[in-house]
Protein backbone atom coordinates (compact mmCIF):
# COMPACT_ATOMS: atom_id res chain seq x y z
CA MET A 1 15.00 -5.03 -15.17
CA ALA A 2 13.45 -6.62 -12.10
CA ARG A 3 12.23 -4.22 -9.47
CA SER A 4 10.93 -5.02 -6.02
CA ALA A 5 8.31 -2.81 -4.44
CA LEU A 6 6.57 -2.21 -1.15
CA ALA A 7 3.06 -0.79 -1.26
CA PHE A 8 1.26 1.14 1.44
CA ASP A 9 -2.48 1.58 1.89
CA TYR A 10 -2.50 4.70 4.03
CA GLY A 11 -4.95 4.97 6.91
CA LEU A 12 -5.25 6.88 10.16
CA LYS A 13 -5.22 3.78 12.43
CA ASN A 14 -3.48 1.21 10.23
CA ILE A 15 -1.29 1.39 7.17
CA GLY A 16 -1.61 -1.71 5.02
CA VAL A 17 1.61 -3.11 3.57
CA ALA A 18 2.33 -5.48 0.70
CA SER A 19 5.52 -6.63 -1.04
CA GLY A 20 5.93 -7.59 -4.67
CA GLN A 21 8.22 -7.55 -7.67
CA THR A 22 7.98 -7.03 -11.40
CA ILE A 23 9.38 -10.40 -12.56
CA THR A 24 6.33 -12.41 -11.51
CA GLY A 25 3.97 -9.45 -11.18
CA THR A 26 2.73 -10.85 -7.88
CA ALA A 27 2.33 -9.26 -4.46
CA THR A 28 2.01 -10.60 -0.92
CA GLU A 29 0.27 -9.02 2.05
CA LEU A 30 2.40 -8.16 5.06
CA ALA A 31 1.31 -7.21 8.56
CA PRO A 32 -0.19 -3.71 8.63
CA LEU A 33 1.64 -0.97 10.48
CA PRO A 34 -0.24 0.58 13.39
CA ALA A 35 -0.54 4.36 13.06
CA ARG A 36 -1.48 7.16 15.43
CA ASP A 37 -3.59 9.65 13.53
CA GLY A 38 -1.88 8.54 10.33
CA VAL A 39 1.67 8.59 11.67
CA PRO A 40 3.49 5.25 11.68
CA ASP A 41 6.35 4.20 13.91
CA TRP A 42 9.13 5.23 11.52
CA ASP A 43 11.48 2.67 13.10
CA GLN A 44 9.06 -0.07 11.98
CA VAL A 45 8.98 1.41 8.48
CA SER A 46 12.77 1.49 8.43
CA ALA A 47 12.93 -2.16 9.54
CA LEU A 48 10.49 -3.14 6.77
CA LEU A 49 12.62 -1.40 4.17
CA ARG A 50 15.78 -3.08 5.46
CA GLU A 51 14.09 -6.48 5.37
CA TRP A 52 12.48 -6.23 1.92
CA GLN A 53 15.01 -3.93 0.16
CA PRO A 54 12.49 -2.42 -2.29
CA GLN A 55 13.61 -0.27 -5.21
CA VAL A 56 10.28 1.55 -5.34
CA LEU A 57 7.50 2.43 -2.90
CA VAL A 58 3.89 2.51 -4.07
CA VAL A 59 1.39 4.55 -2.06
CA GLY A 60 -2.34 4.25 -2.70
CA LEU A 61 -4.11 7.58 -3.18
CA PRO A 62 -7.70 7.48 -1.90
CA LEU A 63 -9.24 9.85 -4.44
CA ASN A 64 -12.90 10.82 -4.52
CA MET A 65 -14.97 8.95 -7.09
CA ASP A 66 -14.81 11.98 -9.41
CA GLY A 67 -10.99 11.85 -9.30
CA THR A 68 -10.50 14.85 -7.03
CA GLU A 69 -8.30 14.71 -3.95
CA SER A 70 -9.83 14.15 -0.54
CA GLU A 71 -8.40 15.17 2.82
CA LEU A 72 -7.22 11.57 3.23
CA SER A 73 -5.52 11.55 -0.18
CA ALA A 74 -3.67 14.75 0.76
CA ARG A 75 -2.48 13.00 3.94
CA ALA A 76 -1.51 9.88 1.94
CA ARG A 77 0.51 12.11 -0.41
CA LYS A 78 2.22 13.72 2.61
CA PHE A 79 3.01 10.21 3.95
CA GLY A 80 4.52 9.25 0.59
CA ASN A 81 6.57 12.44 0.50
CA ARG A 82 7.86 11.66 3.99
CA LEU A 83 8.82 8.14 2.87
CA HIS A 84 10.81 9.66 0.01
CA GLY A 85 12.38 12.31 2.25
CA ARG A 86 13.42 9.85 4.98
CA PHE A 87 14.57 6.94 2.86
CA GLY A 88 15.42 8.46 -0.55
CA LEU A 89 13.46 5.83 -2.48
CA GLU A 90 11.26 6.50 -5.49
CA VAL A 91 7.62 6.87 -4.42
CA ILE A 92 4.82 6.30 -6.91
CA PHE A 93 1.25 7.28 -6.12
CA VAL A 94 -1.49 5.00 -7.48
CA ASP A 95 -5.23 5.64 -7.66
CA GLU A 96 -6.79 3.25 -5.15
CA ARG A 97 -10.44 4.29 -5.42
CA LEU A 98 -11.91 0.80 -5.59
CA SER A 99 -9.26 -1.17 -3.69
CA THR A 100 -10.80 -0.79 -0.23
CA ARG A 101 -14.19 -2.08 -1.39
CA ALA A 102 -12.50 -5.03 -3.13
CA ALA A 103 -10.38 -5.66 -0.03
CA LYS A 104 -13.45 -5.69 2.24
CA GLU A 105 -15.17 -8.15 -0.08
CA GLU A 106 -12.08 -10.39 -0.11
CA ALA A 107 -11.77 -10.23 3.70
CA ALA A 108 -15.44 -11.22 4.03
CA GLU A 109 -14.86 -14.13 1.63
CA ARG A 110 -12.04 -15.25 3.91
CA GLY A 111 -14.45 -15.28 6.84
CA HIS A 112 -13.55 -12.00 8.55
CA ARG A 113 -16.63 -10.46 10.08
CA GLY A 114 -15.87 -6.88 10.96
CA ASN A 115 -13.45 -7.44 13.86
CA TYR A 116 -11.34 -4.66 12.42
CA ALA A 117 -8.42 -5.05 14.82
CA SER A 118 -7.58 -8.45 13.34
CA SER A 119 -8.92 -7.76 9.87
CA PRO A 120 -6.51 -7.99 6.94
CA VAL A 121 -8.40 -5.33 4.93
CA ASP A 122 -5.60 -2.72 4.97
CA SER A 123 -2.93 -5.10 3.71
CA ILE A 124 -5.31 -6.70 1.19
CA ALA A 125 -5.93 -3.19 -0.16
CA ALA A 126 -2.16 -2.57 -0.32
CA ARG A 127 -1.72 -5.86 -2.21
CA ILE A 128 -4.48 -4.94 -4.69
CA VAL A 129 -2.93 -1.51 -5.31
CA LEU A 130 0.48 -3.12 -5.79
CA GLU A 131 -0.88 -5.80 -8.13
CA ASP A 132 -2.49 -3.06 -10.27
CA TRP A 133 0.82 -1.20 -10.44
CA LEU A 134 2.76 -4.41 -11.16
CA ARG A 135 0.38 -5.30 -14.00
CA ALA A 136 1.13 -1.95 -15.59
CA ASN A 137 4.90 -2.26 -14.97
CA SER A 138 5.72 -5.98 -15.17
CA ASP A 139 8.75 -7.20 -17.07
CA HIS A 140 6.64 -9.51 -19.22
CA SER A 141 3.69 -7.29 -20.06
CA GLY A 142 2.48 -6.94 -23.62
């Protein structure tokens, strides 16, 4: 069964967003959500969910390299729990340990040079996390 998903790369200043679905296993970056100390404008989140109609929400968990939770991963988990509580959608947490590094490399390849305000790193990271999840959950895997 086809499922559409929105992924979030949680951050304190920006929350990266990507959309994808299990039929093609592909994901697309969307504009990141600005956040104030990790709190998004929930009206913007609601508008995103209305527009994209996802069946599942994927939230990247920034674990430490040894797999333990960091303060940021605890906050990302809280963000995911709030998404579930507010919107009633299934929330899946995905290990995103290497996605930020890969996203920074990809942004640099695209010519972004550290102007973080206009950098796509957060949404690239969300797309990478979502693509990993889609690979594991695609309709045509195996």
